[in-house]
């Protein structure tokens, strides 16, 4: 007795073209190609998103909905990792837990930033290079470090200038 493994068309094409789409989404020659490849993989992205070279955005084929949502005007620096699940339980016979990651409008991620599952990064946030974001970040905040901690608030003045206030 054996059972036939069944999958729907989306999962079939995702697995079939994943061999092409994942490397293209990470190492495509231009940001517009990396953005397009990630959208084809199922990642929701707003207008004006820039994705740096060698950045990995996790969109497992098992998930029917987008596990990573990226708002308008987001800049993702080089060699970033955005994870929507932790695969370690699978190695021990457990079940992977998927959690949605949301980057709201006008977020900027410096180089080598890692974002863990279930994190929401508020509008206008700046994440410093080599930071590990493991908790939600309030809007208009600058965060740095491992784990990422807020160091400044971003404030717009009445005359339109942007100031950074200590926390």
Foldseek 3Di string as FASTA:
>chain_A
DDDDDDDDPQLVVLVVCVVPLQQQLAAPPAQVSVVVSVVSNAEAEEPQEGAEHREGEDADSVDPHHQEHEEHNEYHYHNEYEDQWDCVVVVVVHDIDGAHEYEYANEYEYAHEYEYHNEYEAHNEYEDHNEYDDYYHYHQFYWYDDPTDTAWGWDQDPVGDIDTHGD
